[in-house]
Amino acid sequence: MNMAHVHLWLTHVPILGSIFLTVLLLVALIYRNVFLQKASLWFLGELPFSPSQPF
């Protein structure tokens, strides 16, 4: 794994993950699935603490 892979992993995955989790939260709210609501909110709350810059 070279630095280009590290860059893609640390900067682009959290952005795509936040989009995916927001869609998941909307689906959970529409279907009133409490477990998915709590899980998506928990992961959305933890996402800002993920490393965004390796250096």
PDB file of N, CA and C in Angstrom:
ATOM      1  N   MET A   1       0.859  -1.178   0.000  1.00  0.00           N
ATOM      2  CA  MET A   1       0.000   0.000   0.000  1.00  0.00           C
ATOM      3  C   MET A   1       0.903   1.238   0.000  1.00  0.00           C
ATOM      4  N   ASN A   2       0.777   2.051  -1.026  1.00  0.00           N
ATOM      5  CA  ASN A   2       1.608   3.246  -1.096  1.00  0.00           C
ATOM      6  C   ASN A   2       0.832   4.466  -0.578  1.00  0.00           C
ATOM      7  N   MET A   3       1.448   5.614  -0.657  1.00  0.00           N
ATOM      8  CA  MET A   3       0.842   6.825  -0.082  1.00  0.00           C
ATOM      9  C   MET A   3      -0.432   7.241  -0.822  1.00  0.00           C
ATOM     10  N   ALA A   4      -0.559   6.896  -2.091  1.00  0.00           N
ATOM     11  CA  ALA A   4      -1.795   7.213  -2.818  1.00  0.00           C
ATOM     12  C   ALA A   4      -2.967   6.419  -2.246  1.00  0.00           C
ATOM     13  N   HIS A   5      -2.721   5.168  -1.907  1.00  0.00           N
ATOM     14  CA  HIS A   5      -3.766   4.359  -1.290  1.00  0.00           C
ATOM     15  C   HIS A   5      -4.139   4.896   0.089  1.00  0.00           C
ATOM     16  N   VAL A   6      -3.136   5.296   0.847  1.00  0.00           N
ATOM     17  CA  VAL A   6      -3.392   5.856   2.177  1.00  0.00           C
ATOM     18  C   VAL A   6      -4.214   7.132   2.053  1.00  0.00           C
ATOM     19  N   HIS A   7      -3.883   7.962   1.096  1.00  0.00           N
ATOM     20  CA  HIS A   7      -4.630   9.193   0.873  1.00  0.00           C
ATOM     21  C   HIS A   7      -6.082   8.892   0.524  1.00  0.00           C
ATOM     22  N   LEU A   8      -6.300   7.963  -0.390  1.00  0.00           N
ATOM     23  CA  LEU A   8      -7.669   7.612  -0.778  1.00  0.00           C
ATOM     24  C   LEU A   8      -8.438   7.057   0.408  1.00  0.00           C
ATOM     25  N   TRP A   9      -7.814   6.222   1.190  1.00  0.00           N
ATOM     26  CA  TRP A   9      -8.488   5.598   2.323  1.00  0.00           C
ATOM     27  C   TRP A   9      -8.850   6.631   3.388  1.00  0.00           C
ATOM     28  N   LEU A  10      -7.935   7.513   3.722  1.00  0.00           N
ATOM     29  CA  LEU A  10      -8.152   8.423   4.848  1.00  0.00           C
ATOM     30  C   LEU A  10      -8.968   9.663   4.491  1.00  0.00           C
ATOM     31  N   THR A  11      -9.024  10.035   3.226  1.00  0.00           N
ATOM     32  CA  THR A  11      -9.754  11.255   2.889  1.00  0.00           C
ATOM     33  C   THR A  11     -11.064  11.010   2.163  1.00  0.00           C
ATOM     34  N   HIS A  12     -11.126   9.981   1.351  1.00  0.00           N
ATOM     35  CA  HIS A  12     -12.329   9.782   0.554  1.00  0.00           C
ATOM     36  C   HIS A  12     -13.327   8.826   1.185  1.00  0.00           C
ATOM     37  N   VAL A  13     -12.870   7.844   1.913  1.00  0.00           N
ATOM     38  CA  VAL A  13     -13.785   6.883   2.540  1.00  0.00           C
ATOM     39  C   VAL A  13     -14.696   7.550   3.570  1.00  0.00           C
ATOM     40  N   PRO A  14     -14.212   8.457   4.435  1.00  0.00           N
ATOM     41  CA  PRO A  14     -15.141   9.110   5.361  1.00  0.00           C
ATOM     42  C   PRO A  14     -16.225   9.937   4.655  1.00  0.00           C
ATOM     43  N   ILE A  15     -15.907  10.533   3.532  1.00  0.00           N
ATOM     44  CA  ILE A  15     -16.908  11.312   2.790  1.00  0.00           C
ATOM     45  C   ILE A  15     -17.982  10.392   2.230  1.00  0.00           C
ATOM     46  N   LEU A  16     -17.558   9.306   1.592  1.00  0.00           N
ATOM     47  CA  LEU A  16     -18.528   8.350   1.058  1.00  0.00           C
ATOM     48  C   LEU A  16     -19.299   7.668   2.177  1.00  0.00           C
ATOM     49  N   GLY A  17     -18.626   7.418   3.294  1.00  0.00           N
ATOM     50  CA  GLY A  17     -19.297   6.810   4.435  1.00  0.00           C
ATOM     51  C   GLY A  17     -20.376   7.706   5.023  1.00  0.00           C
ATOM     52  N   SER A  18     -20.123   9.004   5.069  1.00  0.00           N
ATOM     53  CA  SER A  18     -21.130   9.919   5.608  1.00  0.00           C
ATOM     54  C   SER A  18     -22.351   9.988   4.699  1.00  0.00           C
ATOM     55  N   ILE A  19     -22.136   9.923   3.398  1.00  0.00           N
ATOM     56  CA  ILE A  19     -23.267   9.904   2.459  1.00  0.00           C
ATOM     57  C   ILE A  19     -24.067   8.619   2.649  1.00  0.00           C
ATOM     58  N   PHE A  20     -23.376   7.485   2.723  1.00  0.00           N
ATOM     59  CA  PHE A  20     -24.045   6.207   2.918  1.00  0.00           C
ATOM     60  C   PHE A  20     -24.817   6.184   4.237  1.00  0.00           C
ATOM     61  N   LEU A  21     -24.215   6.685   5.315  1.00  0.00           N
ATOM     62  CA  LEU A  21     -24.876   6.673   6.617  1.00  0.00           C
ATOM     63  C   LEU A  21     -26.072   7.617   6.657  1.00  0.00           C
ATOM     64  N   THR A  22     -26.008   8.722   5.950  1.00  0.00           N
ATOM     65  CA  THR A  22     -27.151   9.627   5.890  1.00  0.00           C
ATOM     66  C   THR A  22     -28.318   8.974   5.155  1.00  0.00           C
ATOM     67  N   VAL A  23     -28.027   8.288   4.058  1.00  0.00           N
ATOM     68  CA  VAL A  23     -29.080   7.565   3.338  1.00  0.00           C
ATOM     69  C   VAL A  23     -29.646   6.453   4.216  1.00  0.00           C
ATOM     70  N   LEU A  24     -28.774   5.746   4.920  1.00  0.00           N
ATOM     71  CA  LEU A  24     -29.224   4.687   5.822  1.00  0.00           C
ATOM     72  C   LEU A  24     -30.113   5.241   6.923  1.00  0.00           C
ATOM     73  N   LEU A  25     -29.771   6.400   7.462  1.00  0.00           N
ATOM     74  CA  LEU A  25     -30.597   7.024   8.488  1.00  0.00           C
ATOM     75  C   LEU A  25     -31.959   7.413   7.930  1.00  0.00           C
ATOM     76  N   LEU A  26     -31.989   7.954   6.733  1.00  0.00           N
ATOM     77  CA  LEU A  26     -33.271   8.311   6.118  1.00  0.00           C
ATOM     78  C   LEU A  26     -34.151   7.087   5.884  1.00  0.00           C
ATOM     79  N   VAL A  27     -33.548   6.002   5.431  1.00  0.00           N
ATOM     80  CA  VAL A  27     -34.306   4.763   5.233  1.00  0.00           C
ATOM     81  C   VAL A  27     -34.820   4.244   6.569  1.00  0.00           C
ATOM     82  N   ALA A  28     -33.986   4.304   7.593  1.00  0.00           N
ATOM     83  CA  ALA A  28     -34.399   3.844   8.923  1.00  0.00           C
ATOM     84  C   ALA A  28     -35.538   4.705   9.471  1.00  0.00           C
ATOM     85  N   LEU A  29     -35.498   5.996   9.201  1.00  0.00           N
ATOM     86  CA  LEU A  29     -36.585   6.869   9.658  1.00  0.00           C
ATOM     87  C   LEU A  29     -37.879   6.592   8.902  1.00  0.00           C
ATOM     88  N   ILE A  30     -37.773   6.316   7.611  1.00  0.00           N
ATOM     89  CA  ILE A  30     -38.973   6.032   6.813  1.00  0.00           C
ATOM     90  C   ILE A  30     -39.621   4.740   7.278  1.00  0.00           C
ATOM     91  N   TYR A  31     -38.796   3.697   7.502  1.00  0.00           N
ATOM     92  CA  TYR A  31     -39.334   2.401   7.899  1.00  0.00           C
ATOM     93  C   TYR A  31     -39.464   2.243   9.414  1.00  0.00           C
ATOM     94  N   ARG A  32     -39.100   3.274  10.152  1.00  0.00           N
ATOM     95  CA  ARG A  32     -39.187   3.301  11.619  1.00  0.00           C
ATOM     96  C   ARG A  32     -38.460   2.132  12.264  1.00  0.00           C
ATOM     97  N   ASN A  33     -37.256   1.876  11.776  1.00  0.00           N
ATOM     98  CA  ASN A  33     -36.418   0.828  12.326  1.00  0.00           C
ATOM     99  C   ASN A  33     -35.498   1.467  13.367  1.00  0.00           C
ATOM    100  N   VAL A  34     -35.785   1.210  14.632  1.00  0.00           N
ATOM    101  CA  VAL A  34     -35.066   1.865  15.726  1.00  0.00           C
ATOM    102  C   VAL A  34     -33.604   1.417  15.764  1.00  0.00           C
ATOM    103  N   PHE A  35     -33.350   0.140  15.505  1.00  0.00           N
ATOM    104  CA  PHE A  35     -31.972  -0.349  15.535  1.00  0.00           C
ATOM    105  C   PHE A  35     -31.115   0.361  14.486  1.00  0.00           C
ATOM    106  N   LEU A  36     -31.610   0.464  13.255  1.00  0.00           N
ATOM    107  CA  LEU A  36     -30.850   1.157  12.207  1.00  0.00           C
ATOM    108  C   LEU A  36     -30.706   2.644  12.497  1.00  0.00           C
ATOM    109  N   GLN A  37     -31.711   3.245  13.117  1.00  0.00           N
ATOM    110  CA  GLN A  37     -31.608   4.657  13.486  1.00  0.00           C
ATOM    111  C   GLN A  37     -30.469   4.855  14.482  1.00  0.00           C
ATOM    112  N   LYS A  38     -30.435   4.013  15.510  1.00  0.00           N
ATOM    113  CA  LYS A  38     -29.389   4.149  16.526  1.00  0.00           C
ATOM    114  C   LYS A  38     -28.012   3.843  15.954  1.00  0.00           C
ATOM    115  N   ALA A  39     -27.928   2.804  15.120  1.00  0.00           N
ATOM    116  CA  ALA A  39     -26.636   2.433  14.545  1.00  0.00           C
ATOM    117  C   ALA A  39     -26.106   3.526  13.621  1.00  0.00           C
ATOM    118  N   SER A  40     -26.967   4.055  12.757  1.00  0.00           N
ATOM    119  CA  SER A  40     -26.495   5.090  11.827  1.00  0.00           C
ATOM    120  C   SER A  40     -26.153   6.378  12.559  1.00  0.00           C
ATOM    121  N   LEU A  41     -26.918   6.725  13.579  1.00  0.00           N
ATOM    122  CA  LEU A  41     -26.572   7.917  14.360  1.00  0.00           C
ATOM    123  C   LEU A  41     -25.264   7.728  15.114  1.00  0.00           C
ATOM    124  N   TRP A  42     -25.034   6.522  15.626  1.00  0.00           N
ATOM    125  CA  TRP A  42     -23.791   6.266  16.348  1.00  0.00           C
ATOM    126  C   TRP A  42     -22.602   6.406  15.402  1.00  0.00           C
ATOM    127  N   PHE A  43     -22.701   5.791  14.211  1.00  0.00           N
ATOM    128  CA  PHE A  43     -21.589   5.877  13.268  1.00  0.00           C
ATOM    129  C   PHE A  43     -21.414   7.288  12.728  1.00  0.00           C
ATOM    130  N   LEU A  44     -22.514   8.021  12.529  1.00  0.00           N
ATOM    131  CA  LEU A  44     -22.387   9.419  12.101  1.00  0.00           C
ATOM    132  C   LEU A  44     -21.734  10.264  13.189  1.00  0.00           C
ATOM    133  N   GLY A  45     -21.992   9.927  14.446  1.00  0.00           N
ATOM    134  CA  GLY A  45     -21.354  10.646  15.553  1.00  0.00           C
ATOM    135  C   GLY A  45     -19.885  10.328  15.682  1.00  0.00           C
ATOM    136  N   GLU A  46     -19.489   9.124  15.312  1.00  0.00           N
ATOM    137  CA  GLU A  46     -18.089   8.722  15.403  1.00  0.00           C
ATOM    138  C   GLU A  46     -17.273   9.145  14.190  1.00  0.00           C
ATOM    139  N   LEU A  47     -17.924   9.437  13.092  1.00  0.00           N
ATOM    140  CA  LEU A  47     -17.219   9.744  11.845  1.00  0.00           C
ATOM    141  C   LEU A  47     -16.292  10.964  11.934  1.00  0.00           C
ATOM    142  N   PRO A  48     -16.660  12.047  12.615  1.00  0.00           N
ATOM    143  CA  PRO A  48     -15.730  13.179  12.686  1.00  0.00           C
ATOM    144  C   PRO A  48     -14.440  12.865  13.423  1.00  0.00           C
ATOM    145  N   PHE A  49     -14.428  11.818  14.223  1.00  0.00           N
ATOM    146  CA  PHE A  49     -13.230  11.466  14.977  1.00  0.00           C
ATOM    147  C   PHE A  49     -12.321  10.514  14.217  1.00  0.00           C
ATOM    148  N   SER A  50     -12.727  10.122  13.012  1.00  0.00           N
ATOM    149  CA  SER A  50     -11.865   9.280  12.197  1.00  0.00           C
ATOM    150  C   SER A  50     -10.721  10.132  11.646  1.00  0.00           C
ATOM    151  N   PRO A  51      -9.556   9.548  11.481  1.00  0.00           N
ATOM    152  CA  PRO A  51      -8.423  10.350  11.001  1.00  0.00           C
ATOM    153  C   PRO A  51      -8.644  10.793   9.559  1.00  0.00           C
ATOM    154  N   SER A  52      -8.445  12.064   9.318  1.00  0.00           N
ATOM    155  CA  SER A  52      -8.609  12.566   7.958  1.00  0.00           C
ATOM    156  C   SER A  52      -7.285  12.941   7.318  1.00  0.00           C
ATOM    157  N   GLN A  53      -6.250  13.145   8.117  1.00  0.00           N
ATOM    158  CA  GLN A  53      -4.938  13.455   7.581  1.00  0.00           C
ATOM    159  C   GLN A  53      -3.915  12.548   8.270  1.00  0.00           C
ATOM    160  N   PRO A  54      -3.133  11.827   7.493  1.00  0.00           N
ATOM    161  CA  PRO A  54      -2.166  10.903   8.111  1.00  0.00           C
ATOM    162  C   PRO A  54      -0.973  11.585   8.755  1.00  0.00           C
ATOM    163  N   PHE A  55      -0.719  12.863   8.406  1.00  0.00           N
ATOM    164  CA  PHE A  55       0.460  13.523   8.949  1.00  0.00           C
ATOM    165  C   PHE A  55       0.095  14.708   9.780  1.00  0.00           C
TER     166      PHE A  55
END
